[in-house]
Amino acid sequence: MTVFVFFLRPFFQILARNATLTENGARSQLDHFAWGENNVLLLGKTPCGRATVATLELNRTGVVNLRLLLRSVGLHPPFVVR
Protein backbone atom coordinates (compact mmCIF):
# COMPACT_ATOMS: atom_id res chain seq x y z
CA MET A 1 0.00 0.00 0.00
CA THR A 2 2.79 2.47 0.81
CA VAL A 3 4.41 1.86 -2.57
CA PHE A 4 1.09 2.67 -4.26
CA VAL A 5 0.77 6.00 -2.41
CA PHE A 6 4.31 7.10 -3.23
CA PHE A 7 3.94 6.01 -6.86
CA LEU A 8 0.97 8.34 -7.39
CA ARG A 9 2.30 11.25 -5.35
CA PRO A 10 4.10 13.06 -8.23
CA PHE A 11 1.00 12.81 -10.43
CA PHE A 12 -1.24 14.43 -7.80
CA GLN A 13 1.32 17.13 -7.08
CA ILE A 14 1.07 18.19 -10.71
CA LEU A 15 -2.73 18.37 -10.40
CA ALA A 16 -2.44 20.39 -7.18
CA ARG A 17 -0.68 23.24 -8.98
CA ASN A 18 -3.77 24.13 -11.00
CA ALA A 19 -6.60 23.44 -8.56
CA THR A 20 -7.84 25.19 -5.45
CA LEU A 21 -8.24 23.50 -2.09
CA THR A 22 -11.70 22.74 -0.74
CA GLU A 23 -13.35 24.87 1.91
CA ASN A 24 -14.23 23.23 5.20
CA GLY A 25 -17.82 22.03 5.42
CA ALA A 26 -19.87 18.84 5.51
CA ARG A 27 -21.41 19.31 2.06
CA SER A 28 -18.01 20.05 0.60
CA GLN A 29 -16.57 16.87 2.08
CA LEU A 30 -19.34 14.76 0.57
CA ASP A 31 -18.87 16.38 -2.83
CA HIS A 32 -15.08 16.22 -2.99
CA PHE A 33 -13.95 13.17 -0.99
CA ALA A 34 -14.63 9.46 -0.62
CA TRP A 35 -12.96 6.59 1.19
CA GLY A 36 -11.06 4.05 -0.88
CA GLU A 37 -12.21 0.46 -1.13
CA ASN A 38 -10.60 -0.48 2.19
CA ASN A 39 -11.71 2.74 3.98
CA VAL A 40 -8.09 3.64 4.70
CA LEU A 41 -7.08 5.88 1.80
CA LEU A 42 -8.90 9.17 1.29
CA LEU A 43 -9.70 9.77 -2.38
CA GLY A 44 -10.44 13.05 -4.10
CA LYS A 45 -13.50 12.78 -6.34
CA THR A 46 -12.98 16.16 -8.02
CA PRO A 47 -9.87 18.07 -9.13
CA CYS A 48 -10.31 20.24 -6.04
CA GLY A 49 -10.54 17.18 -3.78
CA ARG A 50 -7.52 15.52 -5.39
CA ALA A 51 -5.51 18.73 -4.98
CA THR A 52 -6.45 18.89 -1.30
CA VAL A 53 -5.46 15.26 -0.68
CA ALA A 54 -2.13 15.77 -2.46
CA THR A 55 -1.25 19.17 -0.99
CA LEU A 56 -2.10 18.25 2.60
CA GLU A 57 -0.66 14.74 2.13
CA LEU A 58 -3.77 13.20 3.66
CA ASN A 59 -2.59 9.69 2.76
CA ARG A 60 0.93 9.93 4.18
CA THR A 61 2.24 6.82 5.92
CA GLY A 62 1.62 8.01 9.49
CA VAL A 63 -1.98 8.98 8.79
CA VAL A 64 -2.70 5.70 6.97
CA ASN A 65 -1.22 3.76 9.91
CA LEU A 66 -3.40 5.75 12.33
CA ARG A 67 -6.50 4.94 10.26
CA LEU A 68 -5.57 1.25 10.32
CA LEU A 69 -5.21 1.37 14.12
CA LEU A 70 -8.52 3.21 14.54
CA ARG A 71 -10.24 0.77 12.18
CA SER A 72 -8.98 -2.17 14.28
CA VAL A 73 -10.87 -0.81 17.31
CA GLY A 74 -13.97 0.23 15.36
CA LEU A 75 -13.38 3.99 15.32
CA HIS A 76 -12.73 4.41 11.60
CA PRO A 77 -14.11 5.51 9.22
CA PRO A 78 -15.90 8.32 11.06
CA PHE A 79 -18.67 8.15 8.44
CA VAL A 80 -19.24 6.17 5.28
CA VAL A 81 -20.52 7.98 2.21
CA ARG A 82 -22.61 5.82 -0.11
PDB file of N, CA and C in Angstrom:
ATOM      1  N   MET A   1       0.819  -1.186   0.000  1.00  0.00           N
ATOM      2  CA  MET A   1       0.000   0.000   0.000  1.00  0.00           C
ATOM      3  C   MET A   1       0.868   1.257   0.000  1.00  0.00           C
ATOM      4  N   THR A   2       1.917   1.312   0.770  1.00  0.00           N
ATOM      5  CA  THR A   2       2.792   2.474   0.807  1.00  0.00           C
ATOM      6  C   THR A   2       3.418   2.736  -0.551  1.00  0.00           C
ATOM      7  N   VAL A   3       3.819   1.702  -1.248  1.00  0.00           N
ATOM      8  CA  VAL A   3       4.408   1.864  -2.574  1.00  0.00           C
ATOM      9  C   VAL A   3       3.400   2.512  -3.508  1.00  0.00           C
ATOM     10  N   PHE A   4       2.142   2.112  -3.427  1.00  0.00           N
ATOM     11  CA  PHE A   4       1.089   2.671  -4.261  1.00  0.00           C
ATOM     12  C   PHE A   4       0.941   4.171  -4.016  1.00  0.00           C
ATOM     13  N   VAL A   5       0.927   4.586  -2.755  1.00  0.00           N
ATOM     14  CA  VAL A   5       0.770   5.998  -2.412  1.00  0.00           C
ATOM     15  C   VAL A   5       1.940   6.808  -2.954  1.00  0.00           C
ATOM     16  N   PHE A   6       3.157   6.351  -2.759  1.00  0.00           N
ATOM     17  CA  PHE A   6       4.313   7.102  -3.232  1.00  0.00           C
ATOM     18  C   PHE A   6       4.417   7.097  -4.751  1.00  0.00           C
ATOM     19  N   PHE A   7       3.921   6.069  -5.410  1.00  0.00           N
ATOM     20  CA  PHE A   7       3.942   6.006  -6.862  1.00  0.00           C
ATOM     21  C   PHE A   7       3.059   7.097  -7.464  1.00  0.00           C
ATOM     22  N   LEU A   8       1.904   7.353  -6.859  1.00  0.00           N
ATOM     23  CA  LEU A   8       0.971   8.340  -7.393  1.00  0.00           C
ATOM     24  C   LEU A   8       1.247   9.762  -6.928  1.00  0.00           C
ATOM     25  N   ARG A   9       2.063   9.931  -5.913  1.00  0.00           N
ATOM     26  CA  ARG A   9       2.295  11.251  -5.349  1.00  0.00           C
ATOM     27  C   ARG A   9       2.732  12.287  -6.386  1.00  0.00           C
ATOM     28  N   PRO A  10       3.708  12.030  -7.254  1.00  0.00           N
ATOM     29  CA  PRO A  10       4.105  13.056  -8.233  1.00  0.00           C
ATOM     30  C   PRO A  10       2.961  13.457  -9.162  1.00  0.00           C
ATOM     31  N   PHE A  11       2.124  12.511  -9.546  1.00  0.00           N
ATOM     32  CA  PHE A  11       0.995  12.806 -10.426  1.00  0.00           C
ATOM     33  C   PHE A  11       0.038  13.784  -9.758  1.00  0.00           C
ATOM     34  N   PHE A  12      -0.302  13.553  -8.488  1.00  0.00           N
ATOM     35  CA  PHE A  12      -1.241  14.425  -7.802  1.00  0.00           C
ATOM     36  C   PHE A  12      -0.621  15.779  -7.465  1.00  0.00           C
ATOM     37  N   GLN A  13       0.686  15.844  -7.302  1.00  0.00           N
ATOM     38  CA  GLN A  13       1.323  17.135  -7.075  1.00  0.00           C
ATOM     39  C   GLN A  13       1.204  18.013  -8.310  1.00  0.00           C
ATOM     40  N   ILE A  14       1.258  17.424  -9.485  1.00  0.00           N
ATOM     41  CA  ILE A  14       1.067  18.191 -10.712  1.00  0.00           C
ATOM     42  C   ILE A  14      -0.359  18.732 -10.759  1.00  0.00           C
ATOM     43  N   LEU A  15      -1.334  17.917 -10.411  1.00  0.00           N
ATOM     44  CA  LEU A  15      -2.726  18.370 -10.397  1.00  0.00           C
ATOM     45  C   LEU A  15      -2.936  19.486  -9.380  1.00  0.00           C
ATOM     46  N   ALA A  16      -2.244  19.418  -8.255  1.00  0.00           N
ATOM     47  CA  ALA A  16      -2.437  20.388  -7.183  1.00  0.00           C
ATOM     48  C   ALA A  16      -2.016  21.792  -7.596  1.00  0.00           C
ATOM     49  N   ARG A  17      -1.139  21.919  -8.553  1.00  0.00           N
ATOM     50  CA  ARG A  17      -0.676  23.241  -8.980  1.00  0.00           C
ATOM     51  C   ARG A  17      -1.788  24.066  -9.618  1.00  0.00           C
ATOM     52  N   ASN A  18      -2.748  23.410 -10.248  1.00  0.00           N
ATOM     53  CA  ASN A  18      -3.767  24.126 -11.000  1.00  0.00           C
ATOM     54  C   ASN A  18      -5.161  24.043 -10.394  1.00  0.00           C
ATOM     55  N   ALA A  19      -5.285  23.571  -9.183  1.00  0.00           N
ATOM     56  CA  ALA A  19      -6.601  23.441  -8.557  1.00  0.00           C
ATOM     57  C   ALA A  19      -6.582  24.124  -7.201  1.00  0.00           C
ATOM     58  N   THR A  20      -7.743  24.565  -6.764  1.00  0.00           N
ATOM     59  CA  THR A  20      -7.842  25.189  -5.451  1.00  0.00           C
ATOM     60  C   THR A  20      -8.210  24.132  -4.415  1.00  0.00           C
ATOM     61  N   LEU A  21      -7.899  24.423  -3.165  1.00  0.00           N
ATOM     62  CA  LEU A  21      -8.242  23.501  -2.086  1.00  0.00           C
ATOM     63  C   LEU A  21      -9.700  23.689  -1.697  1.00  0.00           C
ATOM     64  N   THR A  22     -10.289  22.655  -1.119  1.00  0.00           N
ATOM     65  CA  THR A  22     -11.697  22.737  -0.735  1.00  0.00           C
ATOM     66  C   THR A  22     -11.854  23.562   0.526  1.00  0.00           C
ATOM     67  N   GLU A  23     -13.027  24.172   0.672  1.00  0.00           N
ATOM     68  CA  GLU A  23     -13.352  24.866   1.907  1.00  0.00           C
ATOM     69  C   GLU A  23     -13.848  23.832   2.903  1.00  0.00           C
ATOM     70  N   ASN A  24     -13.812  24.177   4.162  1.00  0.00           N
ATOM     71  CA  ASN A  24     -14.228  23.229   5.196  1.00  0.00           C
ATOM     72  C   ASN A  24     -15.746  23.255   5.318  1.00  0.00           C
ATOM     73  N   GLY A  25     -16.369  22.119   5.276  1.00  0.00           N
ATOM     74  CA  GLY A  25     -17.822  22.029   5.425  1.00  0.00           C
ATOM     75  C   GLY A  25     -18.295  20.631   5.082  1.00  0.00           C
ATOM     76  N   ALA A  26     -19.382  20.209   5.713  1.00  0.00           N
ATOM     77  CA  ALA A  26     -19.867  18.839   5.515  1.00  0.00           C
ATOM     78  C   ALA A  26     -20.270  18.585   4.070  1.00  0.00           C
ATOM     79  N   ARG A  27     -20.984  19.512   3.446  1.00  0.00           N
ATOM     80  CA  ARG A  27     -21.413  19.308   2.064  1.00  0.00           C
ATOM     81  C   ARG A  27     -20.198  19.221   1.155  1.00  0.00           C
ATOM     82  N   SER A  28     -19.223  20.064   1.404  1.00  0.00           N
ATOM     83  CA  SER A  28     -18.008  20.055   0.600  1.00  0.00           C
ATOM     84  C   SER A  28     -17.303  18.709   0.708  1.00  0.00           C
ATOM     85  N   GLN A  29     -17.242  18.154   1.896  1.00  0.00           N
ATOM     86  CA  GLN A  29     -16.573  16.869   2.079  1.00  0.00           C
ATOM     87  C   GLN A  29     -17.281  15.775   1.305  1.00  0.00           C
ATOM     88  N   LEU A  30     -18.589  15.780   1.299  1.00  0.00           N
ATOM     89  CA  LEU A  30     -19.340  14.760   0.571  1.00  0.00           C
ATOM     90  C   LEU A  30     -19.154  14.903  -0.934  1.00  0.00           C
ATOM     91  N   ASP A  31     -19.032  16.131  -1.397  1.00  0.00           N
ATOM     92  CA  ASP A  31     -18.866  16.379  -2.834  1.00  0.00           C
ATOM     93  C   ASP A  31     -17.473  16.035  -3.331  1.00  0.00           C
ATOM     94  N   HIS A  32     -16.462  16.278  -2.512  1.00  0.00           N
ATOM     95  CA  HIS A  32     -15.083  16.222  -2.985  1.00  0.00           C
ATOM     96  C   HIS A  32     -14.295  14.987  -2.565  1.00  0.00           C
ATOM     97  N   PHE A  33     -14.750  14.271  -1.523  1.00  0.00           N
ATOM     98  CA  PHE A  33     -13.950  13.174  -0.987  1.00  0.00           C
ATOM     99  C   PHE A  33     -14.749  11.888  -0.838  1.00  0.00           C
ATOM    100  N   ALA A  34     -14.042  10.774  -0.890  1.00  0.00           N
ATOM    101  CA  ALA A  34     -14.630   9.456  -0.624  1.00  0.00           C
ATOM    102  C   ALA A  34     -13.527   8.579  -0.047  1.00  0.00           C
ATOM    103  N   TRP A  35     -13.929   7.562   0.690  1.00  0.00           N
ATOM    104  CA  TRP A  35     -12.956   6.593   1.190  1.00  0.00           C
ATOM    105  C   TRP A  35     -12.675   5.585   0.101  1.00  0.00           C
ATOM    106  N   GLY A  36     -11.441   5.109   0.051  1.00  0.00           N
ATOM    107  CA  GLY A  36     -11.062   4.053  -0.876  1.00  0.00           C
ATOM    108  C   GLY A  36     -11.763   2.755  -0.512  1.00  0.00           C
ATOM    109  N   GLU A  37     -11.532   1.741  -1.303  1.00  0.00           N
ATOM    110  CA  GLU A  37     -12.210   0.455  -1.132  1.00  0.00           C
ATOM    111  C   GLU A  37     -12.035  -0.123   0.269  1.00  0.00           C
ATOM    112  N   ASN A  38     -10.872   0.076   0.867  1.00  0.00           N
ATOM    113  CA  ASN A  38     -10.601  -0.484   2.194  1.00  0.00           C
ATOM    114  C   ASN A  38     -10.858   0.516   3.321  1.00  0.00           C
ATOM    115  N   ASN A  39     -11.420   1.676   3.009  1.00  0.00           N
ATOM    116  CA  ASN A  39     -11.710   2.740   3.977  1.00  0.00           C
ATOM    117  C   ASN A  39     -10.472   3.240   4.705  1.00  0.00           C
ATOM    118  N   VAL A  40      -9.314   3.151   4.085  1.00  0.00           N
ATOM    119  CA  VAL A  40      -8.085   3.642   4.703  1.00  0.00           C
ATOM    120  C   VAL A  40      -7.531   4.833   3.926  1.00  0.00           C
ATOM    121  N   LEU A  41      -7.566   4.773   2.614  1.00  0.00           N
ATOM    122  CA  LEU A  41      -7.077   5.880   1.801  1.00  0.00           C
ATOM    123  C   LEU A  41      -8.212   6.849   1.498  1.00  0.00           C
ATOM    124  N   LEU A  42      -7.932   8.137   1.635  1.00  0.00           N
ATOM    125  CA  LEU A  42      -8.899   9.165   1.290  1.00  0.00           C
ATOM    126  C   LEU A  42      -8.697   9.523  -0.174  1.00  0.00           C
ATOM    127  N   LEU A  43      -9.771   9.508  -0.948  1.00  0.00           N
ATOM    128  CA  LEU A  43      -9.696   9.774  -2.378  1.00  0.00           C
ATOM    129  C   LEU A  43     -10.383  11.092  -2.700  1.00  0.00           C
ATOM    130  N   GLY A  44      -9.795  11.849  -3.604  1.00  0.00           N
ATOM    131  CA  GLY A  44     -10.441  13.051  -4.102  1.00  0.00           C
ATOM    132  C   GLY A  44     -11.311  12.697  -5.289  1.00  0.00           C
ATOM    133  N   LYS A  45     -12.580  13.088  -5.253  1.00  0.00           N
ATOM    134  CA  LYS A  45     -13.504  12.778  -6.344  1.00  0.00           C
ATOM    135  C   LYS A  45     -13.489  13.853  -7.424  1.00  0.00           C
ATOM    136  N   THR A  46     -13.016  15.031  -7.090  1.00  0.00           N
ATOM    137  CA  THR A  46     -12.977  16.155  -8.023  1.00  0.00           C
ATOM    138  C   THR A  46     -11.542  16.663  -8.104  1.00  0.00           C
ATOM    139  N   PRO A  47     -11.223  17.494  -9.096  1.00  0.00           N
ATOM    140  CA  PRO A  47      -9.872  18.074  -9.131  1.00  0.00           C
ATOM    141  C   PRO A  47      -9.534  18.823  -7.841  1.00  0.00           C
ATOM    142  N   CYS A  48     -10.510  19.512  -7.291  1.00  0.00           N
ATOM    143  CA  CYS A  48     -10.311  20.244  -6.039  1.00  0.00           C
ATOM    144  C   CYS A  48     -10.027  19.277  -4.885  1.00  0.00           C
ATOM    145  N   GLY A  49     -10.759  18.183  -4.825  1.00  0.00           N
ATOM    146  CA  GLY A  49     -10.542  17.176  -3.782  1.00  0.00           C
ATOM    147  C   GLY A  49      -9.198  16.497  -3.920  1.00  0.00           C
ATOM    148  N   ARG A  50      -8.817  16.162  -5.160  1.00  0.00           N
ATOM    149  CA  ARG A  50      -7.515  15.521  -5.390  1.00  0.00           C
ATOM    150  C   ARG A  50      -6.373  16.464  -5.030  1.00  0.00           C
ATOM    151  N   ALA A  51      -6.536  17.751  -5.331  1.00  0.00           N
ATOM    152  CA  ALA A  51      -5.508  18.728  -4.976  1.00  0.00           C
ATOM    153  C   ALA A  51      -5.368  18.847  -3.464  1.00  0.00           C
ATOM    154  N   THR A  52      -6.480  18.806  -2.756  1.00  0.00           N
ATOM    155  CA  THR A  52      -6.451  18.893  -1.296  1.00  0.00           C
ATOM    156  C   THR A  52      -5.749  17.681  -0.697  1.00  0.00           C
ATOM    157  N   VAL A  53      -6.095  16.491  -1.175  1.00  0.00           N
ATOM    158  CA  VAL A  53      -5.460  15.262  -0.679  1.00  0.00           C
ATOM    159  C   VAL A  53      -3.957  15.305  -0.929  1.00  0.00           C
ATOM    160  N   ALA A  54      -3.552  15.740  -2.118  1.00  0.00           N
ATOM    161  CA  ALA A  54      -2.125  15.773  -2.460  1.00  0.00           C
ATOM    162  C   ALA A  54      -1.379  16.851  -1.684  1.00  0.00           C
ATOM    163  N   THR A  55      -1.938  18.052  -1.633  1.00  0.00           N
ATOM    164  CA  THR A  55      -1.250  19.174  -0.991  1.00  0.00           C
ATOM    165  C   THR A  55      -1.096  18.959   0.512  1.00  0.00           C
ATOM    166  N   LEU A  56      -2.144  18.479   1.148  1.00  0.00           N
ATOM    167  CA  LEU A  56      -2.097  18.251   2.595  1.00  0.00           C
ATOM    168  C   LEU A  56      -1.545  16.878   2.957  1.00  0.00           C
ATOM    169  N   GLU A  57      -1.206  16.085   1.935  1.00  0.00           N
ATOM    170  CA  GLU A  57      -0.657  14.739   2.126  1.00  0.00           C
ATOM    171  C   GLU A  57      -1.528  13.928   3.091  1.00  0.00           C
ATOM    172  N   LEU A  58      -2.810  13.866   2.782  1.00  0.00           N
ATOM    173  CA  LEU A  58      -3.767  13.201   3.664  1.00  0.00           C
ATOM    174  C   LEU A  58      -3.648  11.687   3.664  1.00  0.00           C
ATOM    175  N   ASN A  59      -2.829  11.133   2.780  1.00  0.00           N
ATOM    176  CA  ASN A  59      -2.592   9.685   2.762  1.00  0.00           C
ATOM    177  C   ASN A  59      -1.132   9.353   3.069  1.00  0.00           C
ATOM    178  N   ARG A  60      -0.452  10.232   3.818  1.00  0.00           N
ATOM    179  CA  ARG A  60       0.935   9.933   4.181  1.00  0.00           C
ATOM    180  C   ARG A  60       0.959   8.726   5.123  1.00  0.00           C
ATOM    181  N   THR A  61       2.099   8.091   5.209  1.00  0.00           N
ATOM    182  CA  THR A  61       2.236   6.821   5.922  1.00  0.00           C
ATOM    183  C   THR A  61       1.710   6.880   7.353  1.00  0.00           C
ATOM    184  N   GLY A  62       2.054   7.907   8.096  1.00  0.00           N
ATOM    185  CA  GLY A  62       1.617   8.006   9.486  1.00  0.00           C
ATOM    186  C   GLY A  62       0.108   8.090   9.627  1.00  0.00           C
ATOM    187  N   VAL A  63      -0.528   8.831   8.740  1.00  0.00           N
ATOM    188  CA  VAL A  63      -1.985   8.980   8.787  1.00  0.00           C
ATOM    189  C   VAL A  63      -2.670   7.670   8.398  1.00  0.00           C
ATOM    190  N   VAL A  64      -2.142   7.000   7.383  1.00  0.00           N
ATOM    191  CA  VAL A  64      -2.699   5.704   6.972  1.00  0.00           C
ATOM    192  C   VAL A  64      -2.564   4.696   8.109  1.00  0.00           C
ATOM    193  N   ASN A  65      -1.413   4.676   8.774  1.00  0.00           N
ATOM    194  CA  ASN A  65      -1.221   3.763   9.910  1.00  0.00           C
ATOM    195  C   ASN A  65      -2.190   4.075  11.048  1.00  0.00           C
ATOM    196  N   LEU A  66      -2.437   5.362  11.304  1.00  0.00           N
ATOM    197  CA  LEU A  66      -3.399   5.751  12.332  1.00  0.00           C
ATOM    198  C   LEU A  66      -4.799   5.271  11.959  1.00  0.00           C
ATOM    199  N   ARG A  67      -5.183   5.420  10.701  1.00  0.00           N
ATOM    200  CA  ARG A  67      -6.502   4.943  10.265  1.00  0.00           C
ATOM    201  C   ARG A  67      -6.625   3.431  10.436  1.00  0.00           C
ATOM    202  N   LEU A  68      -5.548   2.707  10.131  1.00  0.00           N
ATOM    203  CA  LEU A  68      -5.570   1.250  10.321  1.00  0.00           C
ATOM    204  C   LEU A  68      -5.767   0.895  11.791  1.00  0.00           C
ATOM    205  N   LEU A  69      -5.071   1.603  12.679  1.00  0.00           N
ATOM    206  CA  LEU A  69      -5.214   1.370  14.116  1.00  0.00           C
ATOM    207  C   LEU A  69      -6.633   1.687  14.575  1.00  0.00           C
ATOM    208  N   LEU A  70      -7.158   2.829  14.157  1.00  0.00           N
ATOM    209  CA  LEU A  70      -8.516   3.211  14.540  1.00  0.00           C
ATOM    210  C   LEU A  70      -9.552   2.235  13.981  1.00  0.00           C
ATOM    211  N   ARG A  71      -9.315   1.745  12.774  1.00  0.00           N
ATOM    212  CA  ARG A  71     -10.239   0.771  12.184  1.00  0.00           C
ATOM    213  C   ARG A  71     -10.244  -0.527  12.989  1.00  0.00           C
ATOM    214  N   SER A  72      -9.076  -0.912  13.520  1.00  0.00           N
ATOM    215  CA  SER A  72      -8.982  -2.167  14.276  1.00  0.00           C
ATOM    216  C   SER A  72      -9.781  -2.127  15.578  1.00  0.00           C
ATOM    217  N   VAL A  73     -10.059  -0.928  16.090  1.00  0.00           N
ATOM    218  CA  VAL A  73     -10.867  -0.806  17.313  1.00  0.00           C
ATOM    219  C   VAL A  73     -12.253  -0.229  17.020  1.00  0.00           C
ATOM    220  N   GLY A  74     -12.624  -0.179  15.744  1.00  0.00           N
ATOM    221  CA  GLY A  74     -13.968   0.233  15.359  1.00  0.00           C
ATOM    222  C   GLY A  74     -14.234   1.724  15.340  1.00  0.00           C
ATOM    223  N   LEU A  75     -13.194   2.540  15.309  1.00  0.00           N
ATOM    224  CA  LEU A  75     -13.377   3.993  15.318  1.00  0.00           C
ATOM    225  C   LEU A  75     -13.134   4.646  13.958  1.00  0.00           C
ATOM    226  N   HIS A  76     -12.953   3.858  12.937  1.00  0.00           N
ATOM    227  CA  HIS A  76     -12.726   4.409  11.600  1.00  0.00           C
ATOM    228  C   HIS A  76     -13.446   3.548  10.583  1.00  0.00           C
ATOM    229  N   PRO A  77     -14.051   4.088   9.568  1.00  0.00           N
ATOM    230  CA  PRO A  77     -14.113   5.510   9.219  1.00  0.00           C
ATOM    231  C   PRO A  77     -15.140   6.237  10.085  1.00  0.00           C
ATOM    232  N   PRO A  78     -14.971   7.559  10.232  1.00  0.00           N
ATOM    233  CA  PRO A  78     -15.900   8.324  11.057  1.00  0.00           C
ATOM    234  C   PRO A  78     -17.305   8.346  10.454  1.00  0.00           C
ATOM    235  N   PHE A  79     -17.392   8.266   9.131  1.00  0.00           N
ATOM    236  CA  PHE A  79     -18.670   8.145   8.437  1.00  0.00           C
ATOM    237  C   PHE A  79     -18.390   7.467   7.104  1.00  0.00           C
ATOM    238  N   VAL A  80     -19.393   6.833   6.566  1.00  0.00           N
ATOM    239  CA  VAL A  80     -19.239   6.166   5.276  1.00  0.00           C
ATOM    240  C   VAL A  80     -20.212   6.809   4.312  1.00  0.00           C
ATOM    241  N   VAL A  81     -19.690   7.345   3.223  1.00  0.00           N
ATOM    242  CA  VAL A  81     -20.524   7.981   2.208  1.00  0.00           C
ATOM    243  C   VAL A  81     -20.892   6.937   1.174  1.00  0.00           C
ATOM    244  N   ARG A  82     -22.147   6.778   0.892  1.00  0.00           N
ATOM    245  CA  ARG A  82     -22.611   5.816  -0.111  1.00  0.00           C
ATOM    246  C   ARG A  82     -23.222   6.542  -1.274  1.00  0.00           C
TER     247      ARG A  82
END
